Amino acid sequence: MIEIYNKKNSVYNNIEDNSDVILIDAGANKIQVNALIREITGIGIADSKSLVENVPVTLKNGISIYEANQIENRFKSIGAKIEIR
């Protein structure tokens, strides 16, 4: 569990670290998706390219919903489809 400070309500919210980010479709911008996968996961170019070509794939496991939503928004901005479980 992590605690995130909610400035609006000035209280702490407990958020479980159990979300998974899954790449469903890389879309038309596969090079940008590849670069973003490398940035987020820290893997090499060959591994990243393999993930892009073999969707659906899990990119991150056991992260907070807050972090998962941030990752989802970055992928959506370049045309990729992401699912959070």
N, C-alpha and C. Protein backbone atom coordinates (compact mmCIF):
# COMPACT_ATOMS: atom_id res chain seq x y z
N MET A 1 0.84 -1.18 0.00
CA MET A 1 0.00 0.00 0.00
C MET A 1 0.89 1.25 0.00
N ILE A 2 0.43 2.26 -0.71
CA ILE A 2 1.09 3.56 -0.62
C ILE A 2 0.03 4.58 -0.26
N GLU A 3 0.50 5.67 0.26
CA GLU A 3 -0.42 6.73 0.62
C GLU A 3 -0.16 7.92 -0.29
N ILE A 4 -1.22 8.48 -0.82
CA ILE A 4 -1.12 9.65 -1.68
C ILE A 4 -1.86 10.79 -1.01
N TYR A 5 -1.20 11.92 -0.92
CA TYR A 5 -1.81 13.08 -0.30
C TYR A 5 -2.79 13.72 -1.26
N ASN A 6 -4.01 13.86 -0.84
CA ASN A 6 -5.05 14.47 -1.65
C ASN A 6 -5.17 15.93 -1.22
N LYS A 7 -4.62 16.83 -2.03
CA LYS A 7 -4.61 18.25 -1.67
C LYS A 7 -6.01 18.82 -1.54
N LYS A 8 -6.93 18.36 -2.36
CA LYS A 8 -8.27 18.91 -2.36
C LYS A 8 -8.97 18.69 -1.03
N ASN A 9 -8.85 17.49 -0.49
CA ASN A 9 -9.52 17.16 0.77
C ASN A 9 -8.59 17.18 1.96
N SER A 10 -7.30 17.37 1.72
CA SER A 10 -6.29 17.38 2.77
C SER A 10 -6.34 16.11 3.62
N VAL A 11 -6.52 14.99 2.98
CA VAL A 11 -6.50 13.70 3.67
C VAL A 11 -5.64 12.74 2.87
N TYR A 12 -5.26 11.66 3.53
CA TYR A 12 -4.51 10.62 2.84
C TYR A 12 -5.46 9.54 2.35
N ASN A 13 -5.19 9.05 1.15
CA ASN A 13 -5.97 7.96 0.58
C ASN A 13 -5.06 6.75 0.43
N ASN A 14 -5.50 5.61 0.87
CA ASN A 14 -4.74 4.39 0.67
C ASN A 14 -5.08 3.80 -0.68
N ILE A 15 -4.06 3.52 -1.45
CA ILE A 15 -4.26 2.95 -2.77
C ILE A 15 -3.40 1.70 -2.86
N GLU A 16 -4.01 0.59 -3.18
CA GLU A 16 -3.29 -0.67 -3.26
C GLU A 16 -2.42 -0.73 -4.51
N ASP A 17 -1.30 -1.43 -4.36
CA ASP A 17 -0.37 -1.62 -5.47
C ASP A 17 -0.70 -2.94 -6.16
N ASN A 18 -1.78 -2.97 -6.90
CA ASN A 18 -2.16 -4.23 -7.54
C ASN A 18 -2.68 -4.06 -8.96
N SER A 19 -2.38 -2.97 -9.59
CA SER A 19 -2.85 -2.73 -10.95
C SER A 19 -1.82 -3.22 -11.97
N ASP A 20 -2.32 -3.73 -13.09
CA ASP A 20 -1.47 -4.15 -14.20
C ASP A 20 -1.79 -3.29 -15.41
N VAL A 21 -0.76 -2.91 -16.16
CA VAL A 21 -0.93 -2.13 -17.38
C VAL A 21 -0.66 -3.07 -18.56
N ILE A 22 -1.66 -3.20 -19.44
CA ILE A 22 -1.58 -4.12 -20.56
C ILE A 22 -1.71 -3.35 -21.87
N LEU A 23 -0.74 -3.54 -22.75
CA LEU A 23 -0.80 -2.93 -24.08
C LEU A 23 -1.68 -3.80 -24.96
N ILE A 24 -2.80 -3.24 -25.41
CA ILE A 24 -3.76 -3.97 -26.24
C ILE A 24 -3.46 -3.79 -27.72
N ASP A 25 -3.13 -2.56 -28.12
CA ASP A 25 -2.86 -2.27 -29.53
C ASP A 25 -1.87 -1.11 -29.59
N ALA A 26 -0.83 -1.27 -30.39
CA ALA A 26 0.19 -0.22 -30.51
C ALA A 26 -0.26 0.92 -31.41
N GLY A 27 -1.25 0.69 -32.25
CA GLY A 27 -1.72 1.73 -33.14
C GLY A 27 -0.74 1.98 -34.28
N ALA A 28 -0.85 3.15 -34.89
CA ALA A 28 -0.04 3.48 -36.06
C ALA A 28 1.35 3.98 -35.70
N ASN A 29 1.54 4.47 -34.49
CA ASN A 29 2.82 5.06 -34.07
C ASN A 29 3.69 4.05 -33.33
N LYS A 30 4.02 2.96 -33.98
CA LYS A 30 4.76 1.89 -33.32
C LYS A 30 6.13 2.32 -32.84
N ILE A 31 6.78 3.21 -33.55
CA ILE A 31 8.11 3.68 -33.13
C ILE A 31 8.00 4.47 -31.84
N GLN A 32 7.00 5.34 -31.73
CA GLN A 32 6.80 6.11 -30.50
C GLN A 32 6.39 5.20 -29.35
N VAL A 33 5.56 4.21 -29.62
CA VAL A 33 5.15 3.25 -28.60
C VAL A 33 6.37 2.47 -28.12
N ASN A 34 7.20 2.06 -29.05
CA ASN A 34 8.43 1.35 -28.72
C ASN A 34 9.31 2.18 -27.78
N ALA A 35 9.48 3.44 -28.11
CA ALA A 35 10.30 4.33 -27.29
C ALA A 35 9.71 4.52 -25.90
N LEU A 36 8.39 4.64 -25.82
CA LEU A 36 7.74 4.82 -24.53
C LEU A 36 7.84 3.56 -23.68
N ILE A 37 7.71 2.40 -24.29
CA ILE A 37 7.88 1.14 -23.56
C ILE A 37 9.28 1.08 -22.98
N ARG A 38 10.27 1.43 -23.77
CA ARG A 38 11.65 1.41 -23.28
C ARG A 38 11.84 2.36 -22.12
N GLU A 39 11.22 3.54 -22.20
CA GLU A 39 11.34 4.53 -21.12
C GLU A 39 10.68 4.04 -19.84
N ILE A 40 9.51 3.45 -19.96
CA ILE A 40 8.74 3.04 -18.79
C ILE A 40 9.31 1.77 -18.14
N THR A 41 9.72 0.82 -18.97
CA THR A 41 10.16 -0.47 -18.43
C THR A 41 11.67 -0.58 -18.26
N GLY A 42 12.43 0.18 -19.02
CA GLY A 42 13.88 0.11 -18.94
C GLY A 42 14.48 -1.05 -19.73
N ILE A 43 13.70 -1.67 -20.60
CA ILE A 43 14.21 -2.80 -21.39
C ILE A 43 14.89 -2.30 -22.66
N GLY A 44 15.59 -3.18 -23.34
CA GLY A 44 16.31 -2.83 -24.55
C GLY A 44 15.40 -2.71 -25.76
N ILE A 45 15.98 -2.24 -26.85
CA ILE A 45 15.21 -1.98 -28.06
C ILE A 45 14.66 -3.27 -28.68
N ALA A 46 15.43 -4.34 -28.67
CA ALA A 46 14.96 -5.60 -29.28
C ALA A 46 13.79 -6.18 -28.48
N ASP A 47 13.89 -6.14 -27.15
CA ASP A 47 12.80 -6.64 -26.32
C ASP A 47 11.55 -5.78 -26.47
N SER A 48 11.74 -4.48 -26.54
CA SER A 48 10.62 -3.56 -26.69
C SER A 48 9.92 -3.78 -28.03
N LYS A 49 10.70 -3.96 -29.08
CA LYS A 49 10.13 -4.20 -30.40
C LYS A 49 9.34 -5.50 -30.41
N SER A 50 9.83 -6.51 -29.72
CA SER A 50 9.13 -7.79 -29.62
C SER A 50 7.78 -7.62 -28.91
N LEU A 51 7.76 -6.81 -27.86
CA LEU A 51 6.50 -6.57 -27.15
C LEU A 51 5.48 -5.87 -28.05
N VAL A 52 5.93 -4.87 -28.80
CA VAL A 52 5.03 -4.13 -29.69
C VAL A 52 4.44 -5.04 -30.75
N GLU A 53 5.23 -5.99 -31.24
CA GLU A 53 4.77 -6.89 -32.29
C GLU A 53 3.89 -8.03 -31.79
N ASN A 54 3.91 -8.30 -30.49
CA ASN A 54 3.19 -9.43 -29.92
C ASN A 54 2.13 -9.02 -28.91
N VAL A 55 1.36 -8.00 -29.21
CA VAL A 55 0.31 -7.55 -28.30
C VAL A 55 -0.83 -8.57 -28.27
N PRO A 56 -1.57 -8.71 -27.23
CA PRO A 56 -1.51 -7.96 -25.97
C PRO A 56 -0.39 -8.46 -25.06
N VAL A 57 0.25 -7.53 -24.37
CA VAL A 57 1.33 -7.84 -23.44
C VAL A 57 1.21 -6.98 -22.19
N THR A 58 1.63 -7.54 -21.07
CA THR A 58 1.63 -6.80 -19.81
C THR A 58 2.92 -6.01 -19.72
N LEU A 59 2.80 -4.69 -19.51
CA LEU A 59 3.97 -3.83 -19.43
C LEU A 59 4.44 -3.63 -18.00
N LYS A 60 3.50 -3.50 -17.07
CA LYS A 60 3.83 -3.27 -15.66
C LYS A 60 2.87 -4.08 -14.80
N ASN A 61 3.40 -4.67 -13.73
CA ASN A 61 2.59 -5.44 -12.78
C ASN A 61 2.65 -4.81 -11.39
N GLY A 62 1.56 -4.92 -10.66
CA GLY A 62 1.54 -4.55 -9.26
C GLY A 62 1.87 -3.11 -8.95
N ILE A 63 1.37 -2.19 -9.77
CA ILE A 63 1.62 -0.77 -9.53
C ILE A 63 0.34 -0.11 -9.03
N SER A 64 0.47 1.10 -8.52
CA SER A 64 -0.70 1.82 -8.02
C SER A 64 -1.60 2.24 -9.18
N ILE A 65 -2.86 2.42 -8.91
CA ILE A 65 -3.81 2.85 -9.94
C ILE A 65 -3.43 4.25 -10.44
N TYR A 66 -2.87 5.06 -9.58
CA TYR A 66 -2.42 6.40 -9.96
C TYR A 66 -1.32 6.31 -11.03
N GLU A 67 -0.30 5.48 -10.79
CA GLU A 67 0.78 5.30 -11.74
C GLU A 67 0.27 4.66 -13.03
N ALA A 68 -0.64 3.69 -12.89
CA ALA A 68 -1.22 3.03 -14.07
C ALA A 68 -1.97 4.02 -14.94
N ASN A 69 -2.72 4.93 -14.34
CA ASN A 69 -3.45 5.94 -15.11
C ASN A 69 -2.50 6.91 -15.81
N GLN A 70 -1.40 7.26 -15.16
CA GLN A 70 -0.42 8.13 -15.80
C GLN A 70 0.18 7.45 -17.03
N ILE A 71 0.51 6.17 -16.89
CA ILE A 71 1.07 5.42 -18.02
C ILE A 71 0.03 5.32 -19.14
N GLU A 72 -1.21 5.02 -18.77
CA GLU A 72 -2.28 4.91 -19.77
C GLU A 72 -2.43 6.20 -20.55
N ASN A 73 -2.42 7.33 -19.87
CA ASN A 73 -2.58 8.63 -20.55
C ASN A 73 -1.44 8.90 -21.52
N ARG A 74 -0.23 8.51 -21.16
CA ARG A 74 0.92 8.72 -22.06
C ARG A 74 0.77 7.87 -23.32
N PHE A 75 0.33 6.63 -23.17
CA PHE A 75 0.16 5.78 -24.35
C PHE A 75 -1.01 6.24 -25.20
N LYS A 76 -2.10 6.65 -24.57
CA LYS A 76 -3.25 7.13 -25.34
C LYS A 76 -2.91 8.38 -26.14
N SER A 77 -2.02 9.22 -25.62
CA SER A 77 -1.66 10.44 -26.32
C SER A 77 -0.92 10.17 -27.63
N ILE A 78 -0.35 8.96 -27.79
CA ILE A 78 0.32 8.61 -29.04
C ILE A 78 -0.45 7.57 -29.85
N GLY A 79 -1.69 7.30 -29.43
CA GLY A 79 -2.58 6.46 -30.23
C GLY A 79 -2.61 4.99 -29.88
N ALA A 80 -1.96 4.59 -28.80
CA ALA A 80 -1.97 3.18 -28.39
C ALA A 80 -3.16 2.91 -27.47
N LYS A 81 -3.59 1.65 -27.43
CA LYS A 81 -4.70 1.26 -26.55
C LYS A 81 -4.12 0.48 -25.37
N ILE A 82 -4.52 0.90 -24.17
CA ILE A 82 -4.03 0.32 -22.93
C ILE A 82 -5.23 -0.15 -22.10
N GLU A 83 -5.05 -1.23 -21.38
CA GLU A 83 -6.06 -1.70 -20.44
C GLU A 83 -5.42 -1.79 -19.07
N ILE A 84 -6.15 -1.35 -18.05
CA ILE A 84 -5.69 -1.46 -16.67
C ILE A 84 -6.54 -2.50 -15.97
N ARG A 85 -5.86 -3.45 -15.35
CA ARG A 85 -6.57 -4.50 -14.60
C ARG A 85 -6.15 -4.46 -13.16
